Structure formats: C-alpha cells, structure tokens
Protein backbone atom coordinates (compact mmCIF):
# COMPACT_ATOMS: atom_id res chain seq x y z
CA MET A 1 -12.46 24.28 -22.19
CA SER A 2 -10.26 22.91 -19.56
CA ALA A 3 -7.12 24.39 -19.27
CA ALA A 4 -5.69 21.34 -21.31
CA GLU A 5 -7.62 21.85 -24.38
CA VAL A 6 -6.37 25.80 -24.13
CA GLU A 7 -2.80 24.09 -23.75
CA ALA A 8 -3.41 21.92 -26.54
CA VAL A 9 -4.85 24.69 -28.78
CA ALA A 10 -1.87 27.22 -27.81
CA ARG A 11 0.77 24.22 -28.47
CA ARG A 12 -0.48 23.84 -32.24
CA ALA A 13 -0.72 27.83 -32.84
CA LEU A 14 3.03 28.41 -31.69
CA GLU A 15 3.99 25.81 -33.90
CA GLU A 16 2.04 27.09 -36.89
CA ALA A 17 2.73 30.74 -36.42
CA ASP A 18 6.74 29.93 -35.81
CA ALA A 19 7.01 27.85 -39.11
CA ASP A 20 6.44 31.39 -40.80
CA LEU A 21 7.85 33.77 -38.30
CA ASN A 22 11.05 31.93 -37.12
CA ALA A 23 10.18 33.28 -33.23
CA LEU A 24 10.89 30.33 -31.03
CA ALA A 25 14.57 29.97 -29.61
CA GLN A 26 14.12 26.34 -29.14
CA PRO A 27 11.38 23.43 -29.81
CA LEU A 28 8.17 23.93 -27.16
CA PHE A 29 8.81 22.86 -23.50
CA GLU A 30 7.88 19.43 -23.46
CA THR A 31 5.60 20.03 -20.43
CA ALA A 32 4.80 23.56 -19.57
CA LEU A 33 6.65 25.39 -17.05
CA ALA A 34 4.93 24.57 -13.26
CA HIS A 35 2.12 27.41 -12.29
CA GLU A 36 -0.63 27.91 -10.06
CA PRO A 37 -3.84 26.49 -11.51
CA GLN A 38 -5.74 28.68 -9.00
CA GLY A 39 -3.87 32.28 -10.20
CA PRO A 40 -5.59 35.33 -11.47
CA LEU A 41 -4.59 34.59 -14.76
CA ALA A 42 -4.51 30.47 -14.47
CA GLY A 43 -4.52 28.57 -17.63
CA VAL A 44 -3.48 31.33 -20.01
CA PRO A 45 -0.82 30.42 -22.48
CA PHE A 46 2.60 32.32 -22.35
CA VAL A 47 6.12 32.64 -23.36
CA ILE A 48 9.40 33.79 -21.97
CA LYS A 49 11.84 35.75 -23.46
CA ASP A 50 15.56 34.04 -24.46
CA SER A 51 16.81 36.64 -21.72
CA GLY A 52 17.92 34.73 -19.08
CA PRO A 53 18.77 33.73 -16.71
CA PHE A 54 14.84 33.75 -15.97
CA ALA A 55 13.14 30.34 -15.51
CA ARG A 56 14.83 27.28 -13.38
CA GLY A 57 16.27 24.89 -14.93
CA VAL A 58 15.55 26.51 -18.63
CA PRO A 59 18.38 26.66 -21.35
CA PHE A 60 19.06 30.26 -22.44
CA ALA A 61 21.61 31.48 -25.06
CA LEU A 62 20.69 35.35 -24.95
CA GLY A 63 20.54 35.24 -28.61
CA SER A 64 24.44 34.23 -29.12
CA ARG A 65 26.17 31.27 -30.67
CA SER A 66 28.91 31.65 -27.98
CA ILE A 67 26.45 30.78 -25.32
CA ARG A 68 25.73 26.86 -24.85
CA GLY A 69 24.73 24.54 -21.87
CA ALA A 70 23.87 27.50 -19.66
CA ALA A 71 20.41 27.51 -17.35
CA ALA A 72 19.17 29.31 -15.03
CA ARG A 73 19.44 28.05 -11.37
CA VAL A 74 16.67 30.16 -9.69
CA ASP A 75 13.44 31.79 -11.00
CA HIS A 76 14.19 35.55 -11.38
CA ASP A 77 11.41 37.22 -9.12
CA LEU A 78 9.08 38.36 -12.23
CA MET A 79 8.91 34.34 -13.06
CA SER A 80 8.03 33.77 -9.57
CA ARG A 81 5.34 36.04 -10.29
CA PHE A 82 4.32 35.11 -13.83
CA ARG A 83 3.88 31.16 -11.91
CA THR A 84 1.88 32.71 -9.42
CA ALA A 85 -0.57 34.21 -11.60
CA GLY A 86 -1.07 31.05 -13.19
CA LEU A 87 0.49 31.95 -16.75
CA VAL A 88 1.33 28.63 -18.38
CA ALA A 89 4.45 28.91 -20.48
CA LEU A 90 5.29 27.13 -23.30
CA GLY A 91 8.09 28.28 -25.25
CA GLN A 92 10.75 30.66 -25.22
CA SER A 93 11.00 33.48 -28.10
CA THR A 94 13.70 34.84 -29.91
CA ALA A 95 16.14 37.91 -29.03
CA PRO A 96 19.09 39.60 -30.67
CA GLU A 97 22.52 39.24 -29.26
CA PHE A 98 22.49 40.22 -25.42
CA GLY A 99 19.32 42.23 -26.51
CA LEU A 100 21.28 45.05 -27.74
CA SER A 101 19.71 45.69 -31.02
CA PHE A 102 16.48 47.20 -32.34
CA SER A 103 16.04 44.12 -34.63
CA THR A 104 15.48 40.46 -33.71
CA GLU A 105 18.16 38.83 -36.58
CA PRO A 106 20.61 37.35 -34.49
CA VAL A 107 23.05 35.02 -36.43
CA ARG A 108 22.52 31.91 -33.95
CA TYR A 109 18.51 32.11 -34.97
CA GLY A 110 18.28 33.88 -37.99
CA ARG A 111 15.56 36.63 -38.96
CA THR A 112 12.41 36.53 -36.86
CA ARG A 113 9.66 37.90 -39.47
CA ASN A 114 6.74 40.35 -39.09
CA PRO A 115 3.53 39.00 -39.34
CA TRP A 116 2.41 41.77 -40.88
CA ASP A 117 4.75 41.75 -44.11
CA LEU A 118 7.39 38.85 -43.93
CA THR A 119 10.12 40.81 -45.41
CA ARG A 120 10.20 43.04 -42.26
CA GLY A 121 11.83 43.30 -39.15
CA VAL A 122 9.92 43.01 -35.76
CA GLY A 123 12.07 45.21 -34.00
CA GLY A 124 14.01 44.14 -30.70
CA SER A 125 14.79 43.32 -28.61
CA SER A 126 11.92 40.98 -27.47
CA GLY A 127 10.82 40.70 -31.30
CA GLY A 128 10.15 36.78 -30.89
CA SER A 129 7.56 37.36 -28.17
CA ALA A 130 6.12 40.26 -30.53
CA ALA A 131 5.69 38.15 -33.42
CA LEU A 132 3.85 35.54 -31.81
CA VAL A 133 1.86 37.34 -29.78
CA ALA A 134 0.63 39.78 -33.01
CA ALA A 135 0.24 36.35 -35.04
CA GLY A 136 -2.73 35.06 -32.43
CA ALA A 137 -0.57 32.17 -30.94
CA VAL A 138 -0.56 33.65 -27.54
CA PRO A 139 -2.40 36.46 -25.84
CA LEU A 140 0.41 37.79 -24.07
CA ALA A 141 4.67 37.18 -23.36
CA HIS A 142 7.28 38.23 -21.81
CA GLY A 143 9.36 41.22 -22.90
CA ASN A 144 11.93 43.13 -20.98
CA ASP A 145 13.05 47.22 -22.30
CA GLY A 146 16.46 48.36 -21.67
CA ALA A 147 16.22 51.63 -24.52
CA GLY A 148 12.57 50.74 -25.98
CA SER A 149 12.90 46.82 -26.10
CA VAL A 150 9.21 46.12 -25.66
CA ARG A 151 8.02 49.34 -27.42
CA ILE A 152 9.45 48.84 -30.26
CA PRO A 153 8.69 45.66 -31.19
CA ALA A 154 5.09 46.67 -30.06
CA ALA A 155 4.68 49.51 -32.57
CA CYS A 156 6.34 47.17 -35.39
CA CYS A 157 3.97 44.36 -34.78
CA GLY A 158 0.71 46.48 -33.85
CA LEU A 159 0.66 45.75 -30.04
CA VAL A 160 0.19 47.12 -26.55
CA GLY A 161 3.77 47.65 -25.03
CA LEU A 162 4.38 49.13 -21.55
CA LYS A 163 7.61 49.66 -19.75
CA PRO A 164 6.57 50.46 -16.43
CA SER A 165 8.56 52.75 -13.91
CA ARG A 166 11.86 52.24 -12.96
CA GLY A 167 10.93 49.94 -9.59
CA ARG A 168 7.44 48.77 -10.60
CA THR A 169 8.26 45.08 -11.31
CA PRO A 170 10.88 43.56 -9.43
CA CYS A 171 14.47 42.62 -11.17
CA GLY A 172 16.26 40.31 -8.54
CA PRO A 173 16.85 37.70 -7.24
CA LEU A 174 20.71 37.58 -8.95
CA THR A 175 20.68 41.16 -9.54
CA GLY A 176 20.33 44.61 -7.45
CA GLU A 177 19.51 46.68 -10.55
CA THR A 178 19.64 45.62 -14.08
CA GLY A 179 21.56 47.97 -16.63
CA PHE A 180 22.14 51.09 -14.17
CA GLY A 181 18.11 51.04 -13.59
CA GLN A 182 17.60 51.23 -17.07
CA ILE A 183 16.44 47.95 -18.12
CA VAL A 184 12.51 46.85 -16.95
CA GLU A 185 10.79 43.71 -17.18
CA PHE A 186 7.17 43.20 -18.26
CA ALA A 187 5.04 42.05 -21.33
CA LEU A 188 3.63 42.27 -24.67
CA THR A 189 -0.12 42.33 -25.29
CA ARG A 190 -3.08 43.07 -27.66
CA THR A 191 -5.01 44.77 -25.84
CA VAL A 192 -4.74 47.93 -22.99
CA ARG A 193 -6.97 45.47 -20.81
CA ASP A 194 -4.65 42.60 -20.70
CA THR A 195 -1.91 44.87 -19.87
CA ALA A 196 -3.61 46.38 -16.93
CA HIS A 197 -4.51 42.74 -15.38
CA LEU A 198 -0.80 41.34 -15.67
CA LEU A 199 0.30 44.79 -14.70
CA ASP A 200 -1.93 43.85 -11.33
CA ALA A 201 -0.52 40.60 -10.74
CA VAL A 202 2.93 41.42 -10.91
CA CYS A 203 3.43 44.66 -9.93
CA ALA A 204 4.09 44.83 -6.18
CA PRO A 205 8.27 45.61 -5.33
CA THR A 206 10.53 42.82 -3.84
CA VAL A 207 11.96 43.68 -0.23
CA GLY A 208 15.04 45.12 -0.47
CA ASP A 209 14.66 46.40 -3.94
CA LYS A 210 17.02 49.54 -4.94
CA TYR A 211 14.41 51.44 -6.52
CA ILE A 212 10.67 51.06 -5.77
CA ALA A 213 8.35 52.97 -7.51
CA PRO A 214 5.10 54.69 -5.75
CA PRO A 215 2.43 52.31 -4.86
CA PRO A 216 -0.61 52.27 -6.87
CA THR A 217 -3.95 53.83 -5.21
CA ARG A 218 -5.87 50.60 -6.57
CA ARG A 219 -6.11 47.83 -9.02
CA TYR A 220 -5.52 49.14 -12.81
CA THR A 221 -7.76 47.10 -14.06
CA GLU A 222 -9.98 50.02 -12.54
CA GLU A 223 -8.89 52.51 -14.15
CA LEU A 224 -9.77 51.25 -17.33
CA CYS A 225 -13.42 52.50 -16.90
CA THR A 226 -11.85 55.70 -15.13
CA ARG A 227 -12.30 58.71 -17.11
CA PRO A 228 -9.17 60.96 -16.61
CA ASP A 229 -9.76 64.85 -15.50
CA ARG A 230 -8.88 67.52 -18.85
CA LEU A 231 -5.32 66.58 -19.27
CA ARG A 232 -2.24 68.93 -20.05
CA VAL A 233 -0.89 67.01 -23.20
CA ALA A 234 2.35 68.00 -25.01
CA LEU A 235 3.02 66.55 -28.69
CA MET A 236 6.16 65.80 -30.07
CA THR A 237 6.79 64.70 -33.74
CA THR A 238 10.56 65.80 -34.01
CA ALA A 239 13.56 63.36 -32.56
CA TRP A 240 15.73 65.52 -30.57
CA SER A 241 18.72 64.22 -32.82
CA GLY A 242 17.39 65.62 -35.57
CA THR A 243 17.01 62.11 -37.48
CA PRO A 244 14.38 62.32 -39.95
CA VAL A 245 10.83 61.30 -38.68
CA ASP A 246 8.33 59.37 -41.76
CA PRO A 247 6.07 61.63 -42.77
CA GLN A 248 3.01 59.01 -41.71
CA VAL A 249 4.67 58.24 -38.60
CA ALA A 250 4.67 61.89 -37.85
CA GLN A 251 1.22 62.36 -39.40
CA ALA A 252 -0.10 59.15 -37.30
CA THR A 253 1.26 60.69 -33.95
CA VAL A 254 -0.80 64.78 -34.81
CA ALA A 255 -4.21 62.46 -35.31
CA VAL A 256 -3.56 60.49 -32.31
CA GLY A 257 -3.24 64.74 -30.57
CA GLN A 258 -6.47 65.62 -32.40
CA VAL A 259 -8.48 62.50 -31.03
CA LEU A 260 -7.40 63.59 -27.44
CA GLU A 261 -8.25 66.98 -28.26
CA TRP A 262 -11.52 65.60 -29.25
CA ILE A 263 -11.96 64.06 -26.00
CA GLY A 264 -11.80 66.94 -24.15
CA HIS A 265 -8.02 67.41 -23.13
CA ASP A 266 -5.85 70.24 -24.20
CA VAL A 267 -3.13 69.52 -26.41
CA ALA A 268 -0.11 71.70 -27.64
CA GLU A 269 3.46 70.81 -29.23
CA ALA A 270 6.10 70.98 -26.83
CA HIS A 271 8.77 68.83 -25.35
CA PRO A 272 11.47 67.96 -22.86
CA ALA A 273 14.96 69.38 -23.48
CA VAL A 274 16.67 66.39 -24.07
CA ASP A 275 20.52 66.41 -25.10
CA ALA A 276 20.62 63.84 -27.71
CA ASP A 277 24.40 63.35 -27.22
CA ALA A 278 23.63 62.95 -23.16
CA LEU A 279 21.22 60.18 -23.95
CA VAL A 280 23.76 58.29 -26.14
CA GLU A 281 26.47 58.76 -23.11
CA ALA A 282 23.80 57.94 -20.36
CA SER A 283 22.97 54.68 -22.56
CA MET A 284 26.32 53.22 -22.23
CA LEU A 285 25.18 52.49 -18.82
CA ALA A 286 23.20 49.73 -19.93
CA ALA A 287 25.51 48.32 -22.89
CA VAL A 288 28.75 48.14 -19.94
CA ALA A 289 26.29 46.79 -17.71
CA THR A 290 25.65 44.14 -19.86
CA GLY A 291 29.79 43.47 -21.18
CA ALA A 292 30.22 43.43 -17.33
CA ALA A 293 27.64 40.68 -16.54
CA LEU A 294 29.08 38.60 -19.12
CA LEU A 295 32.86 39.23 -18.19
CA THR A 296 32.16 38.29 -14.95
CA ALA A 297 29.52 35.22 -15.56
CA PRO A 298 31.26 31.61 -14.71
CA ARG A 299 32.28 31.12 -18.26
CA ARG A 300 32.98 34.00 -20.61
CA PRO A 301 31.87 34.27 -24.08
CA ASP A 302 33.93 33.03 -27.05
CA PRO A 303 34.60 36.11 -28.86
CA SER A 304 34.99 34.09 -32.07
CA LEU A 305 31.43 33.36 -31.58
CA LEU A 306 30.11 36.34 -31.04
CA GLU A 307 28.78 39.40 -33.36
CA ALA A 308 30.57 42.30 -34.35
CA VAL A 309 29.07 44.86 -31.80
CA SER A 310 29.12 42.17 -29.23
CA ARG A 311 32.61 41.75 -29.37
CA GLN A 312 33.17 45.35 -29.35
CA VAL A 313 30.72 46.04 -26.11
CA LEU A 314 32.85 43.23 -24.46
CA ILE A 315 36.34 45.44 -25.47
CA GLU A 316 35.06 48.54 -24.30
CA THR A 317 33.58 47.69 -21.02
CA GLU A 318 37.34 46.12 -20.33
CA ALA A 319 38.45 49.47 -20.72
CA PHE A 320 35.81 51.74 -19.17
CA THR A 321 37.10 53.16 -16.06
CA ALA A 322 35.28 54.48 -12.67
CA LEU A 323 35.71 58.03 -14.26
CA ASP A 324 33.80 56.89 -17.18
CA VAL A 325 30.97 55.58 -14.93
CA MET A 326 30.36 58.57 -13.44
CA ALA A 327 30.48 60.72 -16.78
CA ALA A 328 27.77 58.32 -18.10
CA ALA A 329 25.68 58.88 -14.66
CA ASP A 330 26.33 62.19 -15.07
CA ALA A 331 24.48 62.38 -18.51
CA GLN A 332 21.96 60.65 -17.04
CA HIS A 333 21.22 63.11 -14.67
CA ARG A 334 21.11 65.78 -17.48
CA VAL A 335 18.56 63.43 -19.48
CA THR A 336 16.23 62.68 -16.41
CA ARG A 337 16.14 66.48 -14.91
CA PRO A 338 14.68 67.98 -17.87
CA VAL A 339 12.11 64.84 -18.16
CA GLY A 340 10.90 65.29 -14.59
CA ARG A 341 10.68 68.80 -15.09
CA PHE A 342 8.34 68.88 -17.90
CA LEU A 343 6.25 66.26 -16.94
CA THR A 344 5.68 68.55 -13.98
CA ASP A 345 4.03 70.85 -16.50
CA HIS A 346 2.01 68.55 -18.36
CA ASP A 347 0.18 65.41 -17.62
CA LEU A 348 1.44 63.17 -20.88
CA LEU A 349 3.85 63.34 -23.67
CA VAL A 350 2.69 62.07 -26.88
CA THR A 351 5.56 60.64 -29.30
CA PRO A 352 6.12 58.47 -32.31
CA THR A 353 7.21 55.58 -30.92
CA LEU A 354 9.57 54.52 -34.07
CA ALA A 355 10.90 57.25 -36.39
CA GLN A 356 10.28 55.07 -39.34
CA LEU A 357 7.82 52.27 -40.79
CA PRO A 358 8.85 48.18 -39.49
CA ALA A 359 12.37 48.41 -41.27
CA PRO A 360 12.82 45.71 -43.89
CA HIS A 361 15.55 43.17 -42.93
CA GLY A 362 19.09 43.84 -42.88
CA THR A 363 18.61 47.53 -42.06
CA LEU A 364 20.10 47.23 -38.70
CA ASP A 365 22.97 45.14 -38.82
CA TYR A 366 24.49 44.19 -35.46
CA ASP A 367 27.73 42.00 -36.82
CA ASP A 368 29.08 45.39 -38.56
CA PRO A 369 32.77 45.53 -37.37
CA ARG A 370 32.59 49.01 -38.02
CA HIS A 371 30.86 49.98 -35.22
CA THR A 372 32.02 51.28 -31.71
CA VAL A 373 29.43 51.09 -28.81
CA ARG A 374 28.52 54.34 -29.18
CA SER A 375 28.51 54.38 -32.67
CA TRP A 376 25.88 51.55 -32.38
CA LEU A 377 23.69 52.96 -29.97
CA ARG A 378 23.37 56.34 -32.58
CA ARG A 379 22.76 54.01 -35.42
CA ILE A 380 19.54 52.29 -33.41
CA PHE A 381 18.33 55.93 -32.12
CA GLU A 382 18.05 57.24 -35.81
CA TYR A 383 15.46 54.13 -35.84
CA GLY A 384 13.82 54.83 -32.28
CA PRO A 385 15.06 58.32 -31.17
CA PHE A 386 11.67 58.30 -28.79
CA THR A 387 12.19 55.57 -26.55
CA ALA A 388 15.52 55.21 -24.67
CA ALA A 389 15.11 58.77 -22.66
CA PHE A 390 12.22 57.30 -20.56
CA ASN A 391 14.63 54.31 -19.69
CA VAL A 392 17.33 56.60 -18.78
CA SER A 393 14.85 58.67 -16.39
CA GLY A 394 13.01 55.64 -15.29
CA ASN A 395 9.29 56.90 -16.57
CA PRO A 396 6.37 54.69 -17.65
CA ALA A 397 5.78 54.76 -21.13
CA ILE A 398 3.52 52.51 -23.19
CA SER A 399 3.56 52.10 -27.15
CA LEU A 400 -0.36 51.52 -28.74
CA PRO A 401 -0.79 50.62 -32.15
CA LEU A 402 -2.90 53.80 -33.08
CA GLY A 403 -1.80 54.24 -36.76
CA GLN A 404 -1.63 52.05 -39.99
CA SER A 405 0.42 53.15 -43.14
CA ARG A 406 -0.57 53.17 -46.80
CA GLU A 407 1.33 49.53 -46.72
CA GLY A 408 -0.59 47.80 -43.91
CA LEU A 409 1.65 48.40 -41.86
CA PRO A 410 1.24 49.04 -37.91
CA ILE A 411 2.40 52.80 -36.39
CA GLY A 412 3.04 52.75 -33.00
CA VAL A 413 2.22 56.19 -30.68
CA GLN A 414 4.15 56.23 -27.34
CA LEU A 415 2.40 58.31 -24.51
CA VAL A 416 4.54 58.92 -21.45
CA ALA A 417 3.90 60.11 -17.99
CA ALA A 418 5.52 61.18 -14.75
CA LEU A 419 7.56 58.75 -12.96
CA GLY A 420 4.79 55.85 -10.81
CA ARG A 421 1.80 57.50 -12.96
CA GLU A 422 0.96 54.66 -15.05
CA ASP A 423 -2.66 54.89 -13.75
CA LEU A 424 -2.83 57.70 -15.72
CA LEU A 425 -1.20 56.11 -18.96
CA LEU A 426 -3.93 53.08 -18.72
CA ARG A 427 -6.80 55.30 -18.41
CA THR A 428 -5.86 57.45 -21.59
CA ALA A 429 -4.65 54.41 -23.41
CA ALA A 430 -8.26 52.74 -22.90
CA GLN A 431 -9.69 56.06 -23.97
CA LEU A 432 -7.36 55.86 -27.28
CA GLU A 433 -8.28 52.37 -27.49
CA GLN A 434 -12.06 52.80 -27.63
CA ALA A 435 -11.73 56.07 -29.28
CA VAL A 436 -9.55 54.68 -32.78
CA PRO A 437 -9.99 50.45 -31.63
CA TRP A 438 -7.58 48.30 -33.04
CA LYS A 439 -8.60 44.66 -32.27
CA ASP A 440 -10.19 44.14 -35.34
CA ARG A 441 -7.10 44.36 -37.40
CA GLU A 442 -4.81 41.48 -38.39
CA PRO A 443 -1.84 40.74 -39.80
CA ALA A 444 -1.42 38.71 -42.52
CA THR A 445 0.22 35.79 -41.05
CA PHE A 446 -2.46 35.25 -38.08
CA VAL A 447 -3.04 31.68 -36.64
CA GLY A 448 -6.63 32.74 -34.76
C-alpha cells in the first residue's frame, strides 16, 4: 500500500471511532501535518493530544472553554522528532481541562467513552489518544504524563503506556522543565514493539535540557529479544495511602508476579516507604506549575469559563509563596530518596496501575466546587494511587494490559525500574507479552 492509501484508511477509521467515542478535539486536519517521508516510522497514522502548544500552527485549547484562538507558534521539540520519524499526524485527541484529571470528561468536549464499555471512562489525561488507539483507529498516539496521564488511560483501555525517565524525551523549546520535572512527553501504543520503535526514534536529549537521562547502551528494539538476567522483583498490591484496591485488580497483579516467578525471576512482596502525604505535597508542584503557565500567558483564561478545580488551581497558584515551593520540593525529596534506595536493592517493582476498574462516567467530577487543589489530588490518587510517585521521583514506569476483569474490562499492571532503565522495562515487558499475550483482545468498539 502507498502512504496515501494508509492515510485514507486511517481517516475513515478515526471518524468512525470518534462517532462512538467522542475522542477527537476538533475535526481531522484537512491535510496531514508535514513529516519526513523517509523516516523510520514513515506513513504511520498518528494523533497528537490537545495539550499544546505542541505543533506549529495547530490550534489548541487544553480541554478548556476559556482558551480560544490559541495556536502554537513553534513545534515542541518532541513534535519535531515525531515529524522526523515520519509519523503522519491527522488530528488532535481530547484531554481534560489543563490535563489535571484522571478522567477525560471536560465541559468543552464532553465525555470521551471507553471502547471496552461506552458507559465507562478512558482515564486521563491522555484519554482521547488512548481511546483511538484501543479502538484500532491509529496504532499509536501522543500523550504526556504528569501523575499517571499515559499509564492510567493505558490501563483503562488495554494498552501499553510508557512513562520514560525524567530527561529521556525533550520538553523544550518553550520550557526548561515541565511541572518542575514531573511531566514527561511520550505516547500510547498497542504493543511493546511499537513502544520500543517509537522510543528509539525520539529519545535523544536536546542540548541545554536541565535533565538528561543516562544514554541507552543500544537501540531499545534490540532489548525485545534480550532475556533479562534473573531479576529481583518486588510485588506491591496495597496503596501507600491505604485506599482500597479492587480484589480483581490486586489478583491480576499477583498473577503477574506468579508469571515472572515461573519465567525464572525472584519475586517477593515489598515496596518503597513512600509517605502518601508527601506525595500529595510534591504533586502540588506540577499543579501550580500549570497554574503559573496560565497566569503568565499573553491572555489569561476567563475564570467564568473554567471548571471548578481549574479556578481553584489559579487561586492557589497566585497565593503560593517561595516558602511553599521549598516545602513542596522538600516533599519531593521525601518521595525520590526512598524510591531510589529501594530500586538499588530491587530490579523491578510491580504494582497495579489503577486501584479500581475503569470508572463509570462522572466518578471524578472536576467541576466540583468543594475541592481545594490538595483535596482534588487526594481524590484522583484514591482512583490511581500507584503512578504519581514515579513522576515525582523521575523513574521510568510502564503499564501493560496483563489482566481482564470478569466484566471483560482491561486491567493494567505497572512495572517500575531504576532511573534510566527503560531497557530493563522493555526486556521484561516483552517477556510478559509473550507469556500473557493480549494482541488478540479487541474491545466492543473496534474499527479494524
């Protein structure tokens, strides 16, 4: 097939999927964004997330009614690499307002529906991308992750979702770091292979970046056929905060531990000593960084058009002091250090990605005026208590669709490794994909 034929099929698939899922933030681009026709992923259909400014000339709204007429003046550095890789960007996927929710149900776009069960959500904040990949409309899609925003949609939609190490993918040119280093850009895919290929295409640091991850020793695609040495694997099924974990989710995680033991790794129950309150305080940095970006924008958002938690983010950001920033940075250290120490004694940590099955629509109400920023963080961390710690610490983490509930819903299991060890994550993920294959599972809404 020619690239033009592939694009035509993808356009039809995206429109068909969007009719059921409400996952596109705007109509498809009239023409695909410019890309390198000889790149390593040339001709592969793709969508970008409404989390701009991301692609030069493309309007963005950050999922908000308050942003109108905004368009990126330059490419994000990662978008430049997507173009060089040859990815054919055809549209823009939905996201919650300002990316600050684990559900994708903004007032601006309405609910994005889960292809496995249209009454349930897709997670957030990269929910539209996850829905379109899961439905077979595109094989991979852009996402970013500030507390679980790639991994949680991956878990909800039965996908592979990698959050790379801090500094593995670029964050410029408009920012030196995003969310005080807690927000990382990458993508969602259906297979470990596709994740490895995309990471190979985009992972080099940009000159001058504040954070630079240790360079890989070889291409990540080469790791897929490399058997890892006997690993020391820690298994965790209880949340640091004590929030309940659905028994089906816990059992799926235990089953992954059993598979790893059967493969030949050493598995024991253990977890880093993370303080749940420190995790909330450290995550305030990402929230107020978002607020600060909006408050210093050329045109401030109209508060009357914001959802309730967004208004509160702006109010609390303006009241945040240098002493508050120092206290939150200290809380970040109280998360980063125990995670780092733990992963010197263990090669991998295995946890659930979410504490619950994909939630029915309306479970997380971002427009609830009773929330402070901290109470909102605690609310979403009840739903997804296992992911944010590794944004705070900077460790690479991947969600794999290794379980399925009695209701037929996907269950994601998270693997975490030491800083810079995406190679180890991908080797182990490839082993698990072979032992517990998921490629033949298709959601009820699937355009393939």
